[in-house]
Amino acid sequence: MTEKSEEGKTPHLPQANFINHILELSTAAFISIGVIPNPLTGEADKNMLQAKYLIDTLEMLGEKTKGNLTADEEKQLENVLFNLHTMYVKISEPKS
């Protein structure tokens, strides 16, 4: 049975694939770092423990899928992890 929205339309869901999964996890991590506002509140909600968990999860996925990814998937994961690490360190640094 297909679920319908309140308007009676079938919602569009993204294709279930590795890159979309990486993008979902990285978006959640960027929200946890406070770089992207929480879509429910519109405010920056920092939760560095959650961000670290999500970054660690992405790193684990990279290790577990090593040798099984396409060049595009591998590059996307590398880019996402580089950007997340950079922002995590920047946000975590004490302000002087």
N, C-alpha and C. Protein backbone atom coordinates (compact mmCIF):
# COMPACT_ATOMS: atom_id res chain seq x y z
N MET A 1 0.85 -1.18 0.00
CA MET A 1 0.00 0.00 0.00
C MET A 1 0.89 1.24 0.00
N THR A 2 0.61 2.19 -0.86
CA THR A 2 1.38 3.43 -0.94
C THR A 2 0.76 4.48 -0.05
N GLU A 3 1.60 5.10 0.78
CA GLU A 3 1.09 6.16 1.65
C GLU A 3 0.85 7.43 0.85
N LYS A 4 -0.16 8.18 1.23
CA LYS A 4 -0.49 9.43 0.56
C LYS A 4 -0.32 10.58 1.53
N SER A 5 0.02 11.76 0.99
CA SER A 5 0.13 12.95 1.81
C SER A 5 -1.27 13.45 2.15
N GLU A 6 -1.33 14.52 2.95
CA GLU A 6 -2.63 15.08 3.32
C GLU A 6 -3.38 15.56 2.09
N GLU A 7 -2.66 15.98 1.05
CA GLU A 7 -3.29 16.45 -0.18
C GLU A 7 -3.73 15.29 -1.07
N GLY A 8 -3.45 14.06 -0.66
CA GLY A 8 -3.83 12.89 -1.43
C GLY A 8 -2.83 12.50 -2.50
N LYS A 9 -1.67 13.15 -2.50
CA LYS A 9 -0.64 12.85 -3.49
C LYS A 9 0.37 11.88 -2.91
N THR A 10 0.94 11.06 -3.77
CA THR A 10 2.01 10.16 -3.36
C THR A 10 3.30 10.97 -3.26
N PRO A 11 3.94 10.99 -2.09
CA PRO A 11 5.16 11.78 -1.94
C PRO A 11 6.30 11.21 -2.78
N HIS A 12 7.16 12.12 -3.27
CA HIS A 12 8.34 11.70 -4.02
C HIS A 12 9.44 11.34 -3.04
N LEU A 13 9.97 10.16 -3.18
CA LEU A 13 11.09 9.73 -2.36
C LEU A 13 12.33 9.61 -3.23
N PRO A 14 13.49 10.01 -2.69
CA PRO A 14 14.71 9.86 -3.49
C PRO A 14 15.04 8.38 -3.68
N GLN A 15 15.82 8.12 -4.73
CA GLN A 15 16.25 6.75 -4.98
C GLN A 15 17.12 6.26 -3.83
N ALA A 16 16.91 5.03 -3.39
CA ALA A 16 17.72 4.45 -2.32
C ALA A 16 19.04 3.99 -2.93
N ASN A 17 20.09 4.77 -2.72
CA ASN A 17 21.41 4.38 -3.21
C ASN A 17 22.47 4.90 -2.24
N PHE A 18 23.71 4.51 -2.46
CA PHE A 18 24.79 4.84 -1.53
C PHE A 18 25.01 6.35 -1.42
N ILE A 19 25.05 7.03 -2.55
CA ILE A 19 25.32 8.48 -2.51
C ILE A 19 24.21 9.21 -1.76
N ASN A 20 22.96 8.87 -2.01
CA ASN A 20 21.87 9.52 -1.27
C ASN A 20 21.96 9.23 0.23
N HIS A 21 22.36 8.03 0.58
CA HIS A 21 22.51 7.68 2.00
C HIS A 21 23.63 8.52 2.63
N ILE A 22 24.74 8.67 1.91
CA ILE A 22 25.85 9.49 2.39
C ILE A 22 25.39 10.94 2.56
N LEU A 23 24.63 11.44 1.60
CA LEU A 23 24.15 12.82 1.68
C LEU A 23 23.18 13.02 2.84
N GLU A 24 22.33 12.02 3.10
CA GLU A 24 21.41 12.12 4.24
C GLU A 24 22.18 12.17 5.56
N LEU A 25 23.17 11.28 5.71
CA LEU A 25 23.96 11.26 6.95
C LEU A 25 24.78 12.54 7.10
N SER A 26 25.36 13.02 6.00
CA SER A 26 26.18 14.23 6.09
C SER A 26 25.32 15.45 6.38
N THR A 27 24.13 15.52 5.82
CA THR A 27 23.22 16.63 6.13
C THR A 27 22.88 16.63 7.61
N ALA A 28 22.58 15.47 8.16
CA ALA A 28 22.30 15.36 9.59
C ALA A 28 23.51 15.80 10.41
N ALA A 29 24.72 15.45 9.95
CA ALA A 29 25.94 15.85 10.66
C ALA A 29 26.12 17.37 10.60
N PHE A 30 25.90 17.97 9.43
CA PHE A 30 26.03 19.43 9.30
C PHE A 30 24.99 20.14 10.17
N ILE A 31 23.81 19.57 10.29
CA ILE A 31 22.80 20.14 11.20
C ILE A 31 23.29 20.03 12.64
N SER A 32 23.88 18.89 13.00
CA SER A 32 24.39 18.70 14.36
C SER A 32 25.55 19.62 14.68
N ILE A 33 26.36 19.93 13.68
CA ILE A 33 27.48 20.87 13.88
C ILE A 33 26.95 22.30 14.02
N GLY A 34 25.77 22.56 13.47
CA GLY A 34 25.19 23.89 13.54
C GLY A 34 25.41 24.71 12.28
N VAL A 35 25.94 24.09 11.24
CA VAL A 35 26.21 24.79 9.98
C VAL A 35 24.92 24.97 9.18
N ILE A 36 24.05 23.98 9.23
CA ILE A 36 22.75 24.03 8.56
C ILE A 36 21.69 24.14 9.65
N PRO A 37 20.76 25.09 9.51
CA PRO A 37 19.69 25.18 10.52
C PRO A 37 18.83 23.93 10.54
N ASN A 38 18.35 23.59 11.72
CA ASN A 38 17.42 22.48 11.86
C ASN A 38 16.17 22.80 11.05
N PRO A 39 15.78 21.93 10.10
CA PRO A 39 14.62 22.24 9.26
C PRO A 39 13.30 22.33 10.03
N LEU A 40 13.24 21.73 11.21
CA LEU A 40 12.01 21.79 12.00
C LEU A 40 11.89 23.09 12.79
N THR A 41 13.03 23.63 13.24
CA THR A 41 12.99 24.83 14.07
C THR A 41 13.52 26.07 13.34
N GLY A 42 14.29 25.86 12.28
CA GLY A 42 14.91 26.98 11.58
C GLY A 42 16.09 27.56 12.32
N GLU A 43 16.50 26.92 13.40
CA GLU A 43 17.60 27.42 14.22
C GLU A 43 18.78 26.47 14.18
N ALA A 44 19.96 27.01 14.47
CA ALA A 44 21.16 26.18 14.55
C ALA A 44 21.14 25.42 15.87
N ASP A 45 21.09 24.11 15.77
CA ASP A 45 21.08 23.24 16.95
C ASP A 45 22.39 22.48 17.00
N LYS A 46 23.32 22.93 17.83
CA LYS A 46 24.61 22.24 17.92
C LYS A 46 24.50 21.05 18.85
N ASN A 47 24.98 19.91 18.36
CA ASN A 47 25.09 18.71 19.18
C ASN A 47 26.34 18.00 18.68
N MET A 48 27.48 18.37 19.24
CA MET A 48 28.76 17.87 18.75
C MET A 48 28.93 16.37 18.96
N LEU A 49 28.31 15.81 20.00
CA LEU A 49 28.37 14.36 20.19
C LEU A 49 27.65 13.64 19.05
N GLN A 50 26.50 14.15 18.68
CA GLN A 50 25.75 13.57 17.57
C GLN A 50 26.54 13.73 16.27
N ALA A 51 27.16 14.90 16.08
CA ALA A 51 27.96 15.14 14.87
C ALA A 51 29.11 14.15 14.80
N LYS A 52 29.80 13.94 15.92
CA LYS A 52 30.92 13.00 15.94
C LYS A 52 30.43 11.58 15.61
N TYR A 53 29.31 11.20 16.17
CA TYR A 53 28.75 9.88 15.88
C TYR A 53 28.47 9.72 14.39
N LEU A 54 27.88 10.73 13.77
CA LEU A 54 27.55 10.66 12.35
C LEU A 54 28.81 10.63 11.48
N ILE A 55 29.81 11.41 11.85
CA ILE A 55 31.09 11.39 11.13
C ILE A 55 31.74 10.02 11.27
N ASP A 56 31.74 9.49 12.48
CA ASP A 56 32.30 8.15 12.70
C ASP A 56 31.54 7.09 11.89
N THR A 57 30.23 7.25 11.77
CA THR A 57 29.42 6.31 10.99
C THR A 57 29.80 6.38 9.52
N LEU A 58 29.99 7.58 9.00
CA LEU A 58 30.41 7.72 7.61
C LEU A 58 31.79 7.11 7.37
N GLU A 59 32.70 7.31 8.34
CA GLU A 59 34.03 6.70 8.22
C GLU A 59 33.93 5.18 8.24
N MET A 60 33.09 4.63 9.09
CA MET A 60 32.90 3.19 9.16
C MET A 60 32.34 2.66 7.84
N LEU A 61 31.38 3.36 7.27
CA LEU A 61 30.82 2.94 5.98
C LEU A 61 31.90 2.94 4.90
N GLY A 62 32.79 3.92 4.95
CA GLY A 62 33.89 3.97 4.00
C GLY A 62 34.81 2.77 4.15
N GLU A 63 35.12 2.42 5.39
CA GLU A 63 35.98 1.25 5.64
C GLU A 63 35.31 -0.05 5.21
N LYS A 64 34.04 -0.21 5.55
CA LYS A 64 33.33 -1.46 5.27
C LYS A 64 33.04 -1.66 3.78
N THR A 65 33.00 -0.55 3.03
CA THR A 65 32.68 -0.65 1.60
C THR A 65 33.91 -0.45 0.72
N LYS A 66 35.09 -0.33 1.33
CA LYS A 66 36.33 -0.11 0.57
C LYS A 66 36.50 -1.19 -0.49
N GLY A 67 36.75 -0.74 -1.72
CA GLY A 67 36.91 -1.67 -2.83
C GLY A 67 35.61 -2.04 -3.52
N ASN A 68 34.49 -1.63 -2.96
CA ASN A 68 33.18 -1.97 -3.53
C ASN A 68 32.41 -0.75 -4.03
N LEU A 69 33.01 0.42 -3.95
CA LEU A 69 32.33 1.64 -4.37
C LEU A 69 32.74 2.03 -5.78
N THR A 70 31.84 2.73 -6.47
CA THR A 70 32.20 3.31 -7.75
C THR A 70 33.12 4.50 -7.48
N ALA A 71 33.78 4.99 -8.51
CA ALA A 71 34.65 6.16 -8.35
C ALA A 71 33.85 7.36 -7.85
N ASP A 72 32.63 7.55 -8.35
CA ASP A 72 31.79 8.67 -7.91
C ASP A 72 31.40 8.53 -6.44
N GLU A 73 31.05 7.32 -6.03
CA GLU A 73 30.67 7.10 -4.62
C GLU A 73 31.85 7.36 -3.70
N GLU A 74 33.02 6.85 -4.09
CA GLU A 74 34.22 7.04 -3.28
C GLU A 74 34.58 8.53 -3.16
N LYS A 75 34.52 9.25 -4.27
CA LYS A 75 34.84 10.68 -4.28
C LYS A 75 33.84 11.46 -3.43
N GLN A 76 32.56 11.13 -3.55
CA GLN A 76 31.53 11.81 -2.75
C GLN A 76 31.78 11.61 -1.26
N LEU A 77 32.08 10.38 -0.87
CA LEU A 77 32.35 10.09 0.54
C LEU A 77 33.60 10.83 1.02
N GLU A 78 34.65 10.83 0.22
CA GLU A 78 35.88 11.56 0.60
C GLU A 78 35.60 13.05 0.78
N ASN A 79 34.87 13.64 -0.16
CA ASN A 79 34.56 15.07 -0.08
C ASN A 79 33.72 15.41 1.14
N VAL A 80 32.70 14.59 1.39
CA VAL A 80 31.83 14.81 2.53
C VAL A 80 32.63 14.72 3.83
N LEU A 81 33.46 13.70 3.96
CA LEU A 81 34.25 13.53 5.18
C LEU A 81 35.25 14.67 5.35
N PHE A 82 35.88 15.11 4.28
CA PHE A 82 36.81 16.24 4.38
C PHE A 82 36.09 17.48 4.88
N ASN A 83 34.94 17.80 4.28
CA ASN A 83 34.18 18.98 4.68
C ASN A 83 33.67 18.88 6.11
N LEU A 84 33.19 17.70 6.50
CA LEU A 84 32.71 17.52 7.87
C LEU A 84 33.84 17.66 8.88
N HIS A 85 34.97 17.04 8.60
CA HIS A 85 36.11 17.15 9.52
C HIS A 85 36.55 18.61 9.66
N THR A 86 36.63 19.31 8.53
CA THR A 86 37.04 20.71 8.55
C THR A 86 36.09 21.56 9.39
N MET A 87 34.80 21.40 9.17
CA MET A 87 33.81 22.18 9.92
C MET A 87 33.77 21.78 11.39
N TYR A 88 33.90 20.50 11.66
CA TYR A 88 33.88 20.02 13.05
C TYR A 88 35.03 20.64 13.84
N VAL A 89 36.23 20.62 13.25
CA VAL A 89 37.40 21.20 13.94
C VAL A 89 37.21 22.70 14.10
N LYS A 90 36.75 23.37 13.07
CA LYS A 90 36.55 24.82 13.12
C LYS A 90 35.56 25.20 14.22
N ILE A 91 34.45 24.50 14.28
CA ILE A 91 33.41 24.80 15.27
C ILE A 91 33.87 24.41 16.68
N SER A 92 34.67 23.35 16.79
CA SER A 92 35.13 22.85 18.09
C SER A 92 36.24 23.71 18.71
N GLU A 93 36.97 24.48 17.88
CA GLU A 93 38.08 25.27 18.40
C GLU A 93 37.56 26.32 19.38
N PRO A 94 38.28 26.48 20.49
CA PRO A 94 37.87 27.52 21.44
C PRO A 94 38.04 28.90 20.82
N LYS A 95 37.09 29.75 21.07
CA LYS A 95 37.15 31.12 20.57
C LYS A 95 38.05 31.96 21.48
N SER A 96 38.92 32.76 20.87
CA SER A 96 39.81 33.58 21.72
C SER A 96 39.32 34.99 21.84
